[in-house]
Amino acid sequence: MAVGMGTKDDPWQLTTPPGTSAYTMWRDDGVTPAVIVCQVGSTQLKYDARAIADLHAMLKAHGDWLPLGGADEQKPAPDGSVEAWGRSPGNPLGGWYGLKKGLRGRFGVYMPPLLEALGLAEVSHHAKNNRMRAIG
């Protein structure tokens, strides 16, 4: 279960899938569209909050494990990965869930642990080549 309430004052306390880096996330409904703010050290990334429900729905439809494939915005995402889906014109948003130009990538790194903490997905926790699948 998630540690924290997912607010700016009490953010979710998360770690990357390999467990090597800690970060926080919280939901900001005071902007349109609502966003998930991801604080990694001094860097702040923002993702459209619809990513939670949309990613869960895609994983349920996929029905099996899907590689995470996390990559920076400037690098290509591995085909068939969570990262590729998070940028794809074929996803429900029609493109990037990341909202901050230059920092729109890493969807496959930071969003999967949030879905796991919320009880929506299972994520593997190996040194590399991690993957996820829907729960429920």
Protein backbone atom coordinates (compact mmCIF):
# COMPACT_ATOMS: atom_id res chain seq x y z
CA MET A 1 0.00 0.00 0.00
CA ALA A 2 1.13 3.57 -0.61
CA VAL A 3 2.90 5.47 2.12
CA GLY A 4 1.48 8.99 2.14
CA MET A 5 -1.90 10.36 1.13
CA GLY A 6 -0.84 11.66 -2.29
CA THR A 7 -1.09 15.34 -1.38
CA LYS A 8 1.68 17.94 -1.59
CA ASP A 9 1.88 17.99 2.22
CA ASP A 10 1.78 14.18 2.50
CA PRO A 11 3.07 12.79 -0.83
CA TRP A 12 3.34 9.16 -1.81
CA GLN A 13 6.83 7.90 -0.88
CA LEU A 14 8.05 5.64 -3.69
CA THR A 15 11.17 3.97 -5.04
CA THR A 16 12.11 3.11 -8.61
CA PRO A 17 11.47 -0.54 -9.60
CA PRO A 18 15.07 -1.66 -8.88
CA GLY A 19 14.79 0.05 -5.48
CA THR A 20 17.80 2.27 -6.16
CA SER A 21 16.20 5.75 -6.01
CA ALA A 22 13.54 7.25 -3.77
CA TYR A 23 11.10 9.91 -4.99
CA THR A 24 7.73 11.39 -4.10
CA MET A 25 4.51 11.92 -6.04
CA TRP A 26 1.31 13.78 -5.33
CA ARG A 27 -1.86 14.67 -7.15
CA ASP A 28 -2.61 18.31 -7.92
CA ASP A 29 -6.27 18.82 -8.79
CA GLY A 30 -5.89 22.61 -8.69
CA VAL A 31 -4.80 22.75 -12.33
CA THR A 32 -6.46 21.67 -15.57
CA PRO A 33 -5.80 18.97 -16.47
CA ALA A 34 -5.13 17.52 -13.00
CA VAL A 35 -1.51 16.38 -12.71
CA ILE A 36 0.63 13.90 -10.87
CA VAL A 37 3.72 15.75 -9.68
CA CYS A 38 6.86 13.63 -9.42
CA GLN A 39 9.70 15.06 -7.31
CA VAL A 40 13.05 13.37 -7.90
CA GLY A 41 15.70 15.25 -5.94
CA SER A 42 15.58 18.82 -7.28
CA THR A 43 13.89 17.75 -10.55
CA GLN A 44 10.13 17.96 -10.87
CA LEU A 45 8.25 16.06 -13.57
CA LYS A 46 4.52 16.27 -14.22
CA TYR A 47 2.21 13.69 -15.74
CA ASP A 48 -1.43 14.04 -16.73
CA ALA A 49 -3.37 12.44 -13.84
CA ARG A 50 -5.48 10.45 -16.30
CA ALA A 51 -2.36 8.28 -16.68
CA ILE A 52 -3.33 6.25 -13.59
CA ALA A 53 -6.70 5.02 -14.92
CA ASP A 54 -5.55 4.88 -18.55
CA LEU A 55 -2.42 2.83 -17.79
CA HIS A 56 -4.39 0.46 -15.58
CA ALA A 57 -7.01 -0.03 -18.31
CA MET A 58 -4.33 -0.67 -20.94
CA LEU A 59 -2.59 -3.22 -18.69
CA LYS A 60 -5.89 -5.02 -18.03
CA ALA A 61 -6.59 -5.18 -21.76
CA HIS A 62 -3.03 -6.41 -22.41
CA GLY A 63 -3.55 -9.17 -19.84
CA ASP A 64 0.10 -10.09 -19.28
CA TRP A 65 3.42 -8.67 -18.20
CA LEU A 66 4.63 -5.62 -20.13
CA PRO A 67 8.23 -4.33 -20.05
CA LEU A 68 8.66 -0.88 -18.45
CA GLY A 69 11.25 0.46 -20.89
CA GLY A 70 11.89 3.74 -19.06
CA ALA A 71 13.76 6.31 -21.15
CA ASP A 72 14.43 10.05 -21.12
CA GLU A 73 12.38 12.15 -23.53
CA GLN A 74 15.36 12.58 -25.88
CA LYS A 75 15.83 8.81 -26.26
CA PRO A 76 13.56 6.41 -28.12
CA ALA A 77 11.32 4.19 -26.02
CA PRO A 78 11.60 0.43 -26.55
CA ASP A 79 8.75 -0.90 -28.72
CA GLY A 80 5.97 -2.60 -26.78
CA SER A 81 6.90 -1.02 -23.46
CA VAL A 82 5.02 1.05 -20.88
CA GLU A 83 7.27 3.98 -21.82
CA ALA A 84 6.37 3.66 -25.52
CA TRP A 85 2.66 3.54 -24.67
CA GLY A 86 3.02 6.66 -22.47
CA ARG A 87 4.18 8.64 -25.54
CA SER A 88 2.18 6.94 -28.28
CA PRO A 89 -0.30 8.73 -30.52
CA GLY A 90 -2.41 5.58 -30.01
CA ASN A 91 -2.92 6.04 -26.26
CA PRO A 92 -6.11 7.72 -24.92
CA LEU A 93 -4.40 11.14 -24.78
CA GLY A 94 -3.00 10.79 -28.28
CA GLY A 95 0.59 11.37 -27.14
CA TRP A 96 2.75 12.22 -24.14
CA TYR A 97 1.37 11.84 -20.61
CA GLY A 98 4.43 13.79 -19.49
CA LEU A 99 3.62 17.50 -19.46
CA LYS A 100 6.96 19.29 -18.97
CA LYS A 101 8.78 19.73 -22.30
CA GLY A 102 12.27 18.26 -21.98
CA LEU A 103 11.16 16.16 -18.97
CA ARG A 104 8.25 14.23 -20.47
CA GLY A 105 9.97 10.85 -20.47
CA ARG A 106 10.67 8.36 -17.68
CA PHE A 107 6.95 7.45 -17.58
CA GLY A 108 7.99 3.78 -17.45
CA VAL A 109 10.21 4.48 -14.43
CA TYR A 110 8.04 6.65 -12.20
CA MET A 111 4.40 5.73 -12.92
CA PRO A 112 4.57 1.92 -12.43
CA PRO A 113 5.56 2.12 -8.72
CA LEU A 114 2.63 4.50 -8.14
CA LEU A 115 0.16 2.04 -9.68
CA GLU A 116 1.70 -0.71 -7.57
CA ALA A 117 1.40 1.39 -4.40
CA LEU A 118 -2.25 2.11 -5.24
CA GLY A 119 -2.93 -1.62 -5.58
CA LEU A 120 -3.60 -1.44 -9.32
CA ALA A 121 -0.54 -3.27 -10.66
CA GLU A 122 2.25 -5.66 -9.85
CA VAL A 123 5.79 -4.52 -10.73
CA SER A 124 8.94 -6.65 -10.82
CA HIS A 125 11.91 -5.34 -8.85
CA HIS A 126 15.05 -6.60 -10.57
CA ALA A 127 18.27 -4.64 -11.22
CA LYS A 128 17.07 -4.07 -14.82
CA ASN A 129 14.49 -5.20 -17.38
CA ASN A 130 11.55 -4.73 -15.05
CA ARG A 131 7.95 -5.21 -16.12
CA MET A 132 4.42 -4.77 -14.82
CA ARG A 133 0.91 -6.20 -15.09
CA ALA A 134 -2.53 -5.15 -13.92
CA ILE A 135 -4.14 -6.32 -10.72
CA GLY A 136 -7.92 -6.51 -10.71
